[in-house]
Amino acid sequence: MRDFRKYDIWKLGHQITLKIYQISTNFPKEEIYGLTSQMRRAAYSVSSSIAEGYGRESDAEFKRFLTISQGSASELEYFTTLARDLDYLIEGDFEVLNDEVNKLKRSLNRLINKI
C-alpha cells in the first residue's frame, strides 16, 4: 500500500498547518468565520490534496492534485500577508511562515514538473 506520508512536501505542509492553527488562535474572535477559517482551510488543503492525489494511484491524477495543492499554498501565502498587514501576525512569525510556504511551493513545482 502506498503512503503519502513519505513525501517531504506532505510533511512540510502538515507542519505549516499545525503552525497556522497555533498562530491563528490569537487572531481576533470576529475573524473566526473569516480570515481564521480561510487561512486554516487553505493550510490543510495543501496536505489533504497531496494525500488524496496520491491515493488515486495514477500519475495524472496525482499531478492534478499537486496543482490544487499549489493553488492552496498560494492562497495561504496571501492570507499570511493579509494577517501581517492587519497586525494579526508579528513580523517574525510572518517571515518564518512565508519562507516555509515558499519552500513548499518550490517543492510542489519541482514534483509537478518531474511527473
PDB file of N, CA and C in Angstrom:
ATOM      1  N   MET A   1       0.836  -1.182   0.000  1.00  0.00           N
ATOM      2  CA  MET A   1       0.000   0.000   0.000  1.00  0.00           C
ATOM      3  C   MET A   1       0.886   1.254   0.000  1.00  0.00           C
ATOM      4  N   ARG A   2       0.521   2.210  -0.819  1.00  0.00           N
ATOM      5  CA  ARG A   2       1.264   3.461  -0.936  1.00  0.00           C
ATOM      6  C   ARG A   2       0.987   4.353   0.277  1.00  0.00           C
ATOM      7  N   ASP A   3       1.981   5.156   0.642  1.00  0.00           N
ATOM      8  CA  ASP A   3       1.842   6.016   1.816  1.00  0.00           C
ATOM      9  C   ASP A   3       2.263   7.437   1.478  1.00  0.00           C
ATOM     10  N   PHE A   4       1.297   8.351   1.478  1.00  0.00           N
ATOM     11  CA  PHE A   4       1.574   9.760   1.156  1.00  0.00           C
ATOM     12  C   PHE A   4       2.482  10.417   2.186  1.00  0.00           C
ATOM     13  N   ARG A   5       2.546   9.865   3.390  1.00  0.00           N
ATOM     14  CA  ARG A   5       3.343  10.468   4.465  1.00  0.00           C
ATOM     15  C   ARG A   5       4.837  10.422   4.189  1.00  0.00           C
ATOM     16  N   LYS A   6       5.253   9.655   3.190  1.00  0.00           N
ATOM     17  CA  LYS A   6       6.682   9.556   2.875  1.00  0.00           C
ATOM     18  C   LYS A   6       7.194  10.795   2.151  1.00  0.00           C
ATOM     19  N   TYR A   7       6.296  11.594   1.615  1.00  0.00           N
ATOM     20  CA  TYR A   7       6.702  12.777   0.861  1.00  0.00           C
ATOM     21  C   TYR A   7       7.057  13.929   1.791  1.00  0.00           C
ATOM     22  N   ASP A   8       8.232  14.508   1.567  1.00  0.00           N
ATOM     23  CA  ASP A   8       8.650  15.654   2.367  1.00  0.00           C
ATOM     24  C   ASP A   8       7.708  16.841   2.186  1.00  0.00           C
ATOM     25  N   ILE A   9       7.111  16.970   0.997  1.00  0.00           N
ATOM     26  CA  ILE A   9       6.181  18.086   0.798  1.00  0.00           C
ATOM     27  C   ILE A   9       4.925  17.896   1.636  1.00  0.00           C
ATOM     28  N   TRP A  10       4.470  16.655   1.820  1.00  0.00           N
ATOM     29  CA  TRP A  10       3.323  16.419   2.695  1.00  0.00           C
ATOM     30  C   TRP A  10       3.702  16.784   4.133  1.00  0.00           C
ATOM     31  N   LYS A  11       4.881  16.355   4.559  1.00  0.00           N
ATOM     32  CA  LYS A  11       5.338  16.642   5.925  1.00  0.00           C
ATOM     33  C   LYS A  11       5.443  18.146   6.159  1.00  0.00           C
ATOM     34  N   LEU A  12       6.016  18.872   5.205  1.00  0.00           N
ATOM     35  CA  LEU A  12       6.148  20.322   5.345  1.00  0.00           C
ATOM     36  C   LEU A  12       4.770  20.977   5.379  1.00  0.00           C
ATOM     37  N   GLY A  13       3.886  20.550   4.501  1.00  0.00           N
ATOM     38  CA  GLY A  13       2.528  21.090   4.501  1.00  0.00           C
ATOM     39  C   GLY A  13       1.817  20.841   5.819  1.00  0.00           C
ATOM     40  N   HIS A  14       1.995  19.667   6.377  1.00  0.00           N
ATOM     41  CA  HIS A  14       1.380  19.323   7.659  1.00  0.00           C
ATOM     42  C   HIS A  14       1.952  20.198   8.784  1.00  0.00           C
ATOM     43  N   GLN A  15       3.267  20.387   8.787  1.00  0.00           N
ATOM     44  CA  GLN A  15       3.884  21.237   9.810  1.00  0.00           C
ATOM     45  C   GLN A  15       3.410  22.687   9.699  1.00  0.00           C
ATOM     46  N   ILE A  16       3.258  23.174   8.491  1.00  0.00           N
ATOM     47  CA  ILE A  16       2.736  24.530   8.291  1.00  0.00           C
ATOM     48  C   ILE A  16       1.310  24.617   8.814  1.00  0.00           C
ATOM     49  N   THR A  17       0.507  23.611   8.540  1.00  0.00           N
ATOM     50  CA  THR A  17      -0.880  23.593   9.025  1.00  0.00           C
ATOM     51  C   THR A  17      -0.923  23.660  10.546  1.00  0.00           C
ATOM     52  N   LEU A  18      -0.078  22.879  11.211  1.00  0.00           N
ATOM     53  CA  LEU A  18      -0.047  22.916  12.675  1.00  0.00           C
ATOM     54  C   LEU A  18       0.323  24.309  13.180  1.00  0.00           C
ATOM     55  N   LYS A  19       1.290  24.954  12.521  1.00  0.00           N
ATOM     56  CA  LYS A  19       1.684  26.316  12.912  1.00  0.00           C
ATOM     57  C   LYS A  19       0.551  27.306  12.687  1.00  0.00           C
ATOM     58  N   ILE A  20      -0.143  27.173  11.567  1.00  0.00           N
ATOM     59  CA  ILE A  20      -1.257  28.081  11.270  1.00  0.00           C
ATOM     60  C   ILE A  20      -2.341  27.940  12.337  1.00  0.00           C
ATOM     61  N   TYR A  21      -2.670  26.721  12.697  1.00  0.00           N
ATOM     62  CA  TYR A  21      -3.677  26.517  13.744  1.00  0.00           C
ATOM     63  C   TYR A  21      -3.227  27.156  15.054  1.00  0.00           C
ATOM     64  N   GLN A  22      -1.969  26.970  15.414  1.00  0.00           N
ATOM     65  CA  GLN A  22      -1.454  27.523  16.666  1.00  0.00           C
ATOM     66  C   GLN A  22      -1.463  29.045  16.637  1.00  0.00           C
ATOM     67  N   ILE A  23      -0.928  29.619  15.577  1.00  0.00           N
ATOM     68  CA  ILE A  23      -0.824  31.077  15.484  1.00  0.00           C
ATOM     69  C   ILE A  23      -2.191  31.741  15.381  1.00  0.00           C
ATOM     70  N   SER A  24      -3.103  31.123  14.637  1.00  0.00           N
ATOM     71  CA  SER A  24      -4.407  31.759  14.403  1.00  0.00           C
ATOM     72  C   SER A  24      -5.322  31.743  15.627  1.00  0.00           C
ATOM     73  N   THR A  25      -4.947  31.005  16.653  1.00  0.00           N
ATOM     74  CA  THR A  25      -5.753  31.055  17.883  1.00  0.00           C
ATOM     75  C   THR A  25      -5.698  32.439  18.522  1.00  0.00           C
ATOM     76  N   ASN A  26      -4.677  33.216  18.170  1.00  0.00           N
ATOM     77  CA  ASN A  26      -4.524  34.569  18.713  1.00  0.00           C
ATOM     78  C   ASN A  26      -5.198  35.641  17.857  1.00  0.00           C
ATOM     79  N   PHE A  27      -5.784  35.251  16.724  1.00  0.00           N
ATOM     80  CA  PHE A  27      -6.485  36.220  15.877  1.00  0.00           C
ATOM     81  C   PHE A  27      -7.741  36.703  16.600  1.00  0.00           C
ATOM     82  N   PRO A  28      -8.229  37.880  16.252  1.00  0.00           N
ATOM     83  CA  PRO A  28      -9.456  38.387  16.889  1.00  0.00           C
ATOM     84  C   PRO A  28     -10.627  37.411  16.700  1.00  0.00           C
ATOM     85  N   LYS A  29     -11.467  37.332  17.704  1.00  0.00           N
ATOM     86  CA  LYS A  29     -12.604  36.401  17.670  1.00  0.00           C
ATOM     87  C   LYS A  29     -13.553  36.697  16.519  1.00  0.00           C
ATOM     88  N   GLU A  30     -13.648  37.949  16.090  1.00  0.00           N
ATOM     89  CA  GLU A  30     -14.551  38.269  14.985  1.00  0.00           C
ATOM     90  C   GLU A  30     -14.045  37.701  13.647  1.00  0.00           C
ATOM     91  N   GLU A  31     -12.820  37.207  13.630  1.00  0.00           N
ATOM     92  CA  GLU A  31     -12.263  36.602  12.415  1.00  0.00           C
ATOM     93  C   GLU A  31     -12.458  35.086  12.358  1.00  0.00           C
ATOM     94  N   ILE A  32     -13.122  34.506  13.355  1.00  0.00           N
ATOM     95  CA  ILE A  32     -13.248  33.049  13.418  1.00  0.00           C
ATOM     96  C   ILE A  32     -13.892  32.475  12.154  1.00  0.00           C
ATOM     97  N   TYR A  33     -14.874  33.183  11.590  1.00  0.00           N
ATOM     98  CA  TYR A  33     -15.524  32.706  10.365  1.00  0.00           C
ATOM     99  C   TYR A  33     -14.982  33.403   9.124  1.00  0.00           C
ATOM    100  N   GLY A  34     -13.990  34.233   9.311  1.00  0.00           N
ATOM    101  CA  GLY A  34     -13.385  34.959   8.206  1.00  0.00           C
ATOM    102  C   GLY A  34     -11.974  34.460   7.959  1.00  0.00           C
ATOM    103  N   LEU A  35     -11.020  35.321   8.259  1.00  0.00           N
ATOM    104  CA  LEU A  35      -9.627  35.023   7.953  1.00  0.00           C
ATOM    105  C   LEU A  35      -9.120  33.760   8.653  1.00  0.00           C
ATOM    106  N   THR A  36      -9.479  33.559   9.905  1.00  0.00           N
ATOM    107  CA  THR A  36      -9.005  32.372  10.631  1.00  0.00           C
ATOM    108  C   THR A  36      -9.439  31.101   9.911  1.00  0.00           C
ATOM    109  N   SER A  37     -10.715  31.032   9.585  1.00  0.00           N
ATOM    110  CA  SER A  37     -11.254  29.859   8.904  1.00  0.00           C
ATOM    111  C   SER A  37     -10.641  29.670   7.521  1.00  0.00           C
ATOM    112  N   GLN A  38     -10.539  30.735   6.757  1.00  0.00           N
ATOM    113  CA  GLN A  38      -9.987  30.654   5.411  1.00  0.00           C
ATOM    114  C   GLN A  38      -8.513  30.243   5.419  1.00  0.00           C
ATOM    115  N   MET A  39      -7.768  30.813   6.345  1.00  0.00           N
ATOM    116  CA  MET A  39      -6.344  30.521   6.435  1.00  0.00           C
ATOM    117  C   MET A  39      -6.112  29.054   6.818  1.00  0.00           C
ATOM    118  N   ARG A  40      -6.883  28.576   7.783  1.00  0.00           N
ATOM    119  CA  ARG A  40      -6.761  27.181   8.195  1.00  0.00           C
ATOM    120  C   ARG A  40      -7.159  26.239   7.063  1.00  0.00           C
ATOM    121  N   ARG A  41      -8.236  26.562   6.357  1.00  0.00           N
ATOM    122  CA  ARG A  41      -8.694  25.725   5.257  1.00  0.00           C
ATOM    123  C   ARG A  41      -7.637  25.644   4.158  1.00  0.00           C
ATOM    124  N   ALA A  42      -7.055  26.779   3.806  1.00  0.00           N
ATOM    125  CA  ALA A  42      -6.006  26.789   2.774  1.00  0.00           C
ATOM    126  C   ALA A  42      -4.818  25.945   3.229  1.00  0.00           C
ATOM    127  N   ALA A  43      -4.469  26.050   4.508  1.00  0.00           N
ATOM    128  CA  ALA A  43      -3.319  25.299   5.023  1.00  0.00           C
ATOM    129  C   ALA A  43      -3.556  23.798   4.960  1.00  0.00           C
ATOM    130  N   TYR A  44      -4.687  23.332   5.469  1.00  0.00           N
ATOM    131  CA  TYR A  44      -4.886  21.883   5.466  1.00  0.00           C
ATOM    132  C   TYR A  44      -5.221  21.344   4.084  1.00  0.00           C
ATOM    133  N   SER A  45      -5.674  22.214   3.201  1.00  0.00           N
ATOM    134  CA  SER A  45      -5.958  21.789   1.839  1.00  0.00           C
ATOM    135  C   SER A  45      -4.694  21.345   1.107  1.00  0.00           C
ATOM    136  N   VAL A  46      -3.564  21.944   1.441  1.00  0.00           N
ATOM    137  CA  VAL A  46      -2.306  21.571   0.780  1.00  0.00           C
ATOM    138  C   VAL A  46      -2.006  20.092   1.013  1.00  0.00           C
ATOM    139  N   SER A  47      -1.931  19.685   2.264  1.00  0.00           N
ATOM    140  CA  SER A  47      -1.583  18.294   2.573  1.00  0.00           C
ATOM    141  C   SER A  47      -2.702  17.324   2.248  1.00  0.00           C
ATOM    142  N   SER A  48      -3.950  17.743   2.429  1.00  0.00           N
ATOM    143  CA  SER A  48      -5.058  16.829   2.126  1.00  0.00           C
ATOM    144  C   SER A  48      -5.151  16.567   0.622  1.00  0.00           C
ATOM    145  N   SER A  49      -4.843  17.564  -0.193  1.00  0.00           N
ATOM    146  CA  SER A  49      -4.847  17.347  -1.648  1.00  0.00           C
ATOM    147  C   SER A  49      -3.706  16.433  -2.075  1.00  0.00           C
ATOM    148  N   ILE A  50      -2.553  16.570  -1.437  1.00  0.00           N
ATOM    149  CA  ILE A  50      -1.438  15.658  -1.727  1.00  0.00           C
ATOM    150  C   ILE A  50      -1.847  14.230  -1.385  1.00  0.00           C
ATOM    151  N   ALA A  51      -2.454  14.049  -0.216  1.00  0.00           N
ATOM    152  CA  ALA A  51      -2.884  12.714   0.207  1.00  0.00           C
ATOM    153  C   ALA A  51      -3.939  12.145  -0.735  1.00  0.00           C
ATOM    154  N   GLU A  52      -4.913  12.961  -1.106  1.00  0.00           N
ATOM    155  CA  GLU A  52      -5.968  12.476  -1.990  1.00  0.00           C
ATOM    156  C   GLU A  52      -5.414  12.104  -3.361  1.00  0.00           C
ATOM    157  N   GLY A  53      -4.577  12.967  -3.919  1.00  0.00           N
ATOM    158  CA  GLY A  53      -3.995  12.677  -5.228  1.00  0.00           C
ATOM    159  C   GLY A  53      -3.144  11.428  -5.218  1.00  0.00           C
ATOM    160  N   TYR A  54      -2.388  11.258  -4.152  1.00  0.00           N
ATOM    161  CA  TYR A  54      -1.537  10.079  -4.044  1.00  0.00           C
ATOM    162  C   TYR A  54      -2.380   8.813  -3.970  1.00  0.00           C
ATOM    163  N   GLY A  55      -3.518   8.931  -3.314  1.00  0.00           N
ATOM    164  CA  GLY A  55      -4.415   7.788  -3.177  1.00  0.00           C
ATOM    165  C   GLY A  55      -5.108   7.389  -4.468  1.00  0.00           C
ATOM    166  N   ARG A  56      -5.076   8.240  -5.462  1.00  0.00           N
ATOM    167  CA  ARG A  56      -5.709   7.929  -6.746  1.00  0.00           C
ATOM    168  C   ARG A  56      -4.901   6.934  -7.561  1.00  0.00           C
ATOM    169  N   GLU A  57      -3.649   6.782  -7.249  1.00  0.00           N
ATOM    170  CA  GLU A  57      -2.762   5.780  -7.851  1.00  0.00           C
ATOM    171  C   GLU A  57      -2.576   5.926  -9.355  1.00  0.00           C
ATOM    172  N   SER A  58      -2.653   7.148  -9.847  1.00  0.00           N
ATOM    173  CA  SER A  58      -2.272   7.408 -11.232  1.00  0.00           C
ATOM    174  C   SER A  58      -1.481   8.699 -11.236  1.00  0.00           C
ATOM    175  N   ASP A  59      -0.442   8.732 -12.034  1.00  0.00           N
ATOM    176  CA  ASP A  59       0.407   9.923 -12.078  1.00  0.00           C
ATOM    177  C   ASP A  59      -0.363  11.154 -12.540  1.00  0.00           C
ATOM    178  N   ALA A  60      -1.261  10.975 -13.489  1.00  0.00           N
ATOM    179  CA  ALA A  60      -2.031  12.119 -13.998  1.00  0.00           C
ATOM    180  C   ALA A  60      -2.910  12.707 -12.893  1.00  0.00           C
ATOM    181  N   GLU A  61      -3.563  11.845 -12.135  1.00  0.00           N
ATOM    182  CA  GLU A  61      -4.416  12.324 -11.042  1.00  0.00           C
ATOM    183  C   GLU A  61      -3.569  12.943  -9.923  1.00  0.00           C
ATOM    184  N   PHE A  62      -2.453  12.313  -9.610  1.00  0.00           N
ATOM    185  CA  PHE A  62      -1.570  12.845  -8.573  1.00  0.00           C
ATOM    186  C   PHE A  62      -1.090  14.233  -8.966  1.00  0.00           C
ATOM    187  N   LYS A  63      -0.697  14.387 -10.210  1.00  0.00           N
ATOM    188  CA  LYS A  63      -0.228  15.683 -10.690  1.00  0.00           C
ATOM    189  C   LYS A  63      -1.335  16.733 -10.601  1.00  0.00           C
ATOM    190  N   ARG A  64      -2.555  16.358 -10.934  1.00  0.00           N
ATOM    191  CA  ARG A  64      -3.683  17.289 -10.852  1.00  0.00           C
ATOM    192  C   ARG A  64      -3.889  17.763  -9.413  1.00  0.00           C
ATOM    193  N   PHE A  65      -3.808  16.848  -8.463  1.00  0.00           N
ATOM    194  CA  PHE A  65      -3.994  17.223  -7.063  1.00  0.00           C
ATOM    195  C   PHE A  65      -2.803  18.016  -6.517  1.00  0.00           C
ATOM    196  N   LEU A  66      -1.617  17.768  -7.030  1.00  0.00           N
ATOM    197  CA  LEU A  66      -0.467  18.589  -6.654  1.00  0.00           C
ATOM    198  C   LEU A  66      -0.670  20.025  -7.122  1.00  0.00           C
ATOM    199  N   THR A  67      -1.279  20.187  -8.286  1.00  0.00           N
ATOM    200  CA  THR A  67      -1.583  21.520  -8.805  1.00  0.00           C
ATOM    201  C   THR A  67      -2.612  22.212  -7.911  1.00  0.00           C
ATOM    202  N   ILE A  68      -3.580  21.460  -7.426  1.00  0.00           N
ATOM    203  CA  ILE A  68      -4.554  22.009  -6.478  1.00  0.00           C
ATOM    204  C   ILE A  68      -3.837  22.441  -5.201  1.00  0.00           C
ATOM    205  N   SER A  69      -2.902  21.622  -4.730  1.00  0.00           N
ATOM    206  CA  SER A  69      -2.114  21.965  -3.538  1.00  0.00           C
ATOM    207  C   SER A  69      -1.335  23.251  -3.752  1.00  0.00           C
ATOM    208  N   GLN A  70      -0.801  23.405  -4.946  1.00  0.00           N
ATOM    209  CA  GLN A  70      -0.040  24.606  -5.278  1.00  0.00           C
ATOM    210  C   GLN A  70      -0.935  25.851  -5.193  1.00  0.00           C
ATOM    211  N   GLY A  71      -2.159  25.739  -5.665  1.00  0.00           N
ATOM    212  CA  GLY A  71      -3.103  26.848  -5.575  1.00  0.00           C
ATOM    213  C   GLY A  71      -3.428  27.182  -4.128  1.00  0.00           C
ATOM    214  N   SER A  72      -3.616  26.161  -3.310  1.00  0.00           N
ATOM    215  CA  SER A  72      -3.901  26.383  -1.885  1.00  0.00           C
ATOM    216  C   SER A  72      -2.711  27.027  -1.187  1.00  0.00           C
ATOM    217  N   ALA A  73      -1.503  26.629  -1.568  1.00  0.00           N
ATOM    218  CA  ALA A  73      -0.307  27.231  -0.977  1.00  0.00           C
ATOM    219  C   ALA A  73      -0.205  28.702  -1.352  1.00  0.00           C
ATOM    220  N   SER A  74      -0.562  29.046  -2.582  1.00  0.00           N
ATOM    221  CA  SER A  74      -0.550  30.456  -2.995  1.00  0.00           C
ATOM    222  C   SER A  74      -1.607  31.250  -2.228  1.00  0.00           C
ATOM    223  N   GLU A  75      -2.754  30.635  -2.031  1.00  0.00           N
ATOM    224  CA  GLU A  75      -3.813  31.266  -1.246  1.00  0.00           C
ATOM    225  C   GLU A  75      -3.319  31.508   0.186  1.00  0.00           C
ATOM    226  N   LEU A  76      -2.664  30.525   0.763  1.00  0.00           N
ATOM    227  CA  LEU A  76      -2.123  30.655   2.112  1.00  0.00           C
ATOM    228  C   LEU A  76      -1.069  31.752   2.171  1.00  0.00           C
ATOM    229  N   GLU A  77      -0.265  31.860   1.136  1.00  0.00           N
ATOM    230  CA  GLU A  77       0.744  32.910   1.081  1.00  0.00           C
ATOM    231  C   GLU A  77       0.069  34.290   1.183  1.00  0.00           C
ATOM    232  N   TYR A  78      -1.022  34.473   0.461  1.00  0.00           N
ATOM    233  CA  TYR A  78      -1.740  35.741   0.544  1.00  0.00           C
ATOM    234  C   TYR A  78      -2.321  35.958   1.938  1.00  0.00           C
ATOM    235  N   PHE A  79      -2.934  34.919   2.508  1.00  0.00           N
ATOM    236  CA  PHE A  79      -3.550  35.073   3.832  1.00  0.00           C
ATOM    237  C   PHE A  79      -2.522  35.432   4.901  1.00  0.00           C
ATOM    238  N   THR A  80      -1.310  34.905   4.798  1.00  0.00           N
ATOM    239  CA  THR A  80      -0.284  35.274   5.778  1.00  0.00           C
ATOM    240  C   THR A  80       0.100  36.747   5.611  1.00  0.00           C
ATOM    241  N   THR A  81       0.156  37.200   4.365  1.00  0.00           N
ATOM    242  CA  THR A  81       0.446  38.614   4.108  1.00  0.00           C
ATOM    243  C   THR A  81      -0.666  39.493   4.665  1.00  0.00           C
ATOM    244  N   LEU A  82      -1.902  39.104   4.422  1.00  0.00           N
ATOM    245  CA  LEU A  82      -3.039  39.861   4.940  1.00  0.00           C
ATOM    246  C   LEU A  82      -3.026  39.901   6.469  1.00  0.00           C
ATOM    247  N   ALA A  83      -2.785  38.755   7.092  1.00  0.00           N
ATOM    248  CA  ALA A  83      -2.746  38.692   8.559  1.00  0.00           C
ATOM    249  C   ALA A  83      -1.642  39.591   9.120  1.00  0.00           C
ATOM    250  N   ARG A  84      -0.504  39.619   8.451  1.00  0.00           N
ATOM    251  CA  ARG A  84       0.580  40.515   8.877  1.00  0.00           C
ATOM    252  C   ARG A  84       0.162  41.969   8.729  1.00  0.00           C
ATOM    253  N   ASP A  85      -0.418  42.309   7.592  1.00  0.00           N
ATOM    254  CA  ASP A  85      -0.804  43.698   7.329  1.00  0.00           C
ATOM    255  C   ASP A  85      -1.928  44.179   8.245  1.00  0.00           C
ATOM    256  N   LEU A  86      -2.720  43.238   8.756  1.00  0.00           N
ATOM    257  CA  LEU A  86      -3.774  43.580   9.723  1.00  0.00           C
ATOM    258  C   LEU A  86      -3.248  43.549  11.163  1.00  0.00           C
ATOM    259  N   ASP A  87      -1.955  43.308  11.312  1.00  0.00           N
ATOM    260  CA  ASP A  87      -1.296  43.199  12.614  1.00  0.00           C
ATOM    261  C   ASP A  87      -1.804  42.024  13.455  1.00  0.00           C
ATOM    262  N   TYR A  88      -2.235  40.955  12.778  1.00  0.00           N
ATOM    263  CA  TYR A  88      -2.610  39.727  13.476  1.00  0.00           C
ATOM    264  C   TYR A  88      -1.404  38.814  13.633  1.00  0.00           C
ATOM    265  N   LEU A  89      -0.414  38.981  12.758  1.00  0.00           N
ATOM    266  CA  LEU A  89       0.827  38.210  12.796  1.00  0.00           C
ATOM    267  C   LEU A  89       1.985  39.157  13.053  1.00  0.00           C
ATOM    268  N   ILE A  90       2.846  38.768  13.960  1.00  0.00           N
ATOM    269  CA  ILE A  90       4.050  39.573  14.155  1.00  0.00           C
ATOM    270  C   ILE A  90       5.013  39.273  13.011  1.00  0.00           C
ATOM    271  N   GLU A  91       5.892  40.200  12.744  1.00  0.00           N
ATOM    272  CA  GLU A  91       6.791  40.097  11.592  1.00  0.00           C
ATOM    273  C   GLU A  91       7.614  38.808  11.610  1.00  0.00           C
ATOM    274  N   GLY A  92       8.096  38.413  12.777  1.00  0.00           N
ATOM    275  CA  GLY A  92       8.908  37.191  12.862  1.00  0.00           C
ATOM    276  C   GLY A  92       8.124  35.955  12.463  1.00  0.00           C
ATOM    277  N   ASP A  93       6.888  35.832  12.941  1.00  0.00           N
ATOM    278  CA  ASP A  93       6.038  34.696  12.564  1.00  0.00           C
ATOM    279  C   ASP A  93       5.732  34.731  11.073  1.00  0.00           C
ATOM    280  N   PHE A  94       5.465  35.926  10.558  1.00  0.00           N
ATOM    281  CA  PHE A  94       5.195  36.064   9.130  1.00  0.00           C
ATOM    282  C   PHE A  94       6.393  35.589   8.309  1.00  0.00           C
ATOM    283  N   GLU A  95       7.584  36.026   8.666  1.00  0.00           N
ATOM    284  CA  GLU A  95       8.773  35.665   7.897  1.00  0.00           C
ATOM    285  C   GLU A  95       9.003  34.161   7.881  1.00  0.00           C
ATOM    286  N   VAL A  96       8.826  33.515   9.031  1.00  0.00           N
ATOM    287  CA  VAL A  96       9.002  32.058   9.107  1.00  0.00           C
ATOM    288  C   VAL A  96       7.963  31.358   8.232  1.00  0.00           C
ATOM    289  N   LEU A  97       6.693  31.741   8.385  1.00  0.00           N
ATOM    290  CA  LEU A  97       5.640  31.129   7.584  1.00  0.00           C
ATOM    291  C   LEU A  97       5.832  31.393   6.096  1.00  0.00           C
ATOM    292  N   ASN A  98       6.161  32.606   5.755  1.00  0.00           N
ATOM    293  CA  ASN A  98       6.345  32.967   4.353  1.00  0.00           C
ATOM    294  C   ASN A  98       7.475  32.151   3.729  1.00  0.00           C
ATOM    295  N   ASP A  99       8.588  31.995   4.447  1.00  0.00           N
ATOM    296  CA  ASP A  99       9.699  31.182   3.946  1.00  0.00           C
ATOM    297  C   ASP A  99       9.281  29.728   3.756  1.00  0.00           C
ATOM    298  N   GLU A 100       8.534  29.190   4.722  1.00  0.00           N
ATOM    299  CA  GLU A 100       8.105  27.793   4.638  1.00  0.00           C
ATOM    300  C   GLU A 100       7.112  27.583   3.502  1.00  0.00           C
ATOM    301  N   VAL A 101       6.178  28.506   3.336  1.00  0.00           N
ATOM    302  CA  VAL A 101       5.201  28.388   2.253  1.00  0.00           C
ATOM    303  C   VAL A 101       5.896  28.492   0.903  1.00  0.00           C
ATOM    304  N   ASN A 102       6.857  29.388   0.767  1.00  0.00           N
ATOM    305  CA  ASN A 102       7.596  29.492  -0.493  1.00  0.00           C
ATOM    306  C   ASN A 102       8.420  28.243  -0.770  1.00  0.00           C
ATOM    307  N   LYS A 103       9.004  27.664   0.257  1.00  0.00           N
ATOM    308  CA  LYS A 103       9.733  26.404   0.091  1.00  0.00           C
ATOM    309  C   LYS A 103       8.778  25.307  -0.374  1.00  0.00           C
ATOM    310  N   LEU A 104       7.606  25.272   0.224  1.00  0.00           N
ATOM    311  CA  LEU A 104       6.597  24.287  -0.156  1.00  0.00           C
ATOM    312  C   LEU A 104       6.180  24.474  -1.614  1.00  0.00           C
ATOM    313  N   LYS A 105       5.953  25.711  -2.020  1.00  0.00           N
ATOM    314  CA  LYS A 105       5.559  25.977  -3.404  1.00  0.00           C
ATOM    315  C   LYS A 105       6.648  25.554  -4.394  1.00  0.00           C
ATOM    316  N   ARG A 106       7.895  25.838  -4.055  1.00  0.00           N
ATOM    317  CA  ARG A 106       9.006  25.415  -4.934  1.00  0.00           C
ATOM    318  C   ARG A 106       9.081  23.889  -5.029  1.00  0.00           C
ATOM    319  N   SER A 107       8.903  23.221  -3.903  1.00  0.00           N
ATOM    320  CA  SER A 107       8.956  21.753  -3.885  1.00  0.00           C
ATOM    321  C   SER A 107       7.803  21.153  -4.690  1.00  0.00           C
ATOM    322  N   LEU A 108       6.623  21.732  -4.538  1.00  0.00           N
ATOM    323  CA  LEU A 108       5.476  21.260  -5.322  1.00  0.00           C
ATOM    324  C   LEU A 108       5.747  21.442  -6.811  1.00  0.00           C
ATOM    325  N   ASN A 109       6.283  22.585  -7.167  1.00  0.00           N
ATOM    326  CA  ASN A 109       6.574  22.864  -8.577  1.00  0.00           C
ATOM    327  C   ASN A 109       7.576  21.854  -9.143  1.00  0.00           C
ATOM    328  N   ARG A 110       8.612  21.553  -8.375  1.00  0.00           N
ATOM    329  CA  ARG A 110       9.599  20.566  -8.829  1.00  0.00           C
ATOM    330  C   ARG A 110       8.973  19.189  -9.032  1.00  0.00           C
ATOM    331  N   LEU A 111       8.116  18.778  -8.074  1.00  0.00           N
ATOM    332  CA  LEU A 111       7.487  17.461  -8.190  1.00  0.00           C
ATOM    333  C   LEU A 111       6.507  17.424  -9.362  1.00  0.00           C
ATOM    334  N   ILE A 112       5.755  18.494  -9.554  1.00  0.00           N
ATOM    335  CA  ILE A 112       4.820  18.548 -10.691  1.00  0.00           C
ATOM    336  C   ILE A 112       5.583  18.418 -12.004  1.00  0.00           C
ATOM    337  N   ASN A 113       6.689  19.132 -12.113  1.00  0.00           N
ATOM    338  CA  ASN A 113       7.481  19.077 -13.346  1.00  0.00           C
ATOM    339  C   ASN A 113       8.150  17.727 -13.559  1.00  0.00           C
ATOM    340  N   LYS A 114       8.394  17.027 -12.470  1.00  0.00           N
ATOM    341  CA  LYS A 114       9.043  15.716 -12.539  1.00  0.00           C
ATOM    342  C   LYS A 114       8.086  14.617 -13.009  1.00  0.00           C
ATOM    343  N   ILE A 115       6.818  14.775 -12.658  1.00  0.00           N
ATOM    344  CA  ILE A 115       5.819  13.735 -13.002  1.00  0.00           C
ATOM    345  C   ILE A 115       5.435  13.842 -14.469  1.00  0.00           C
TER     346      ILE A 115
END
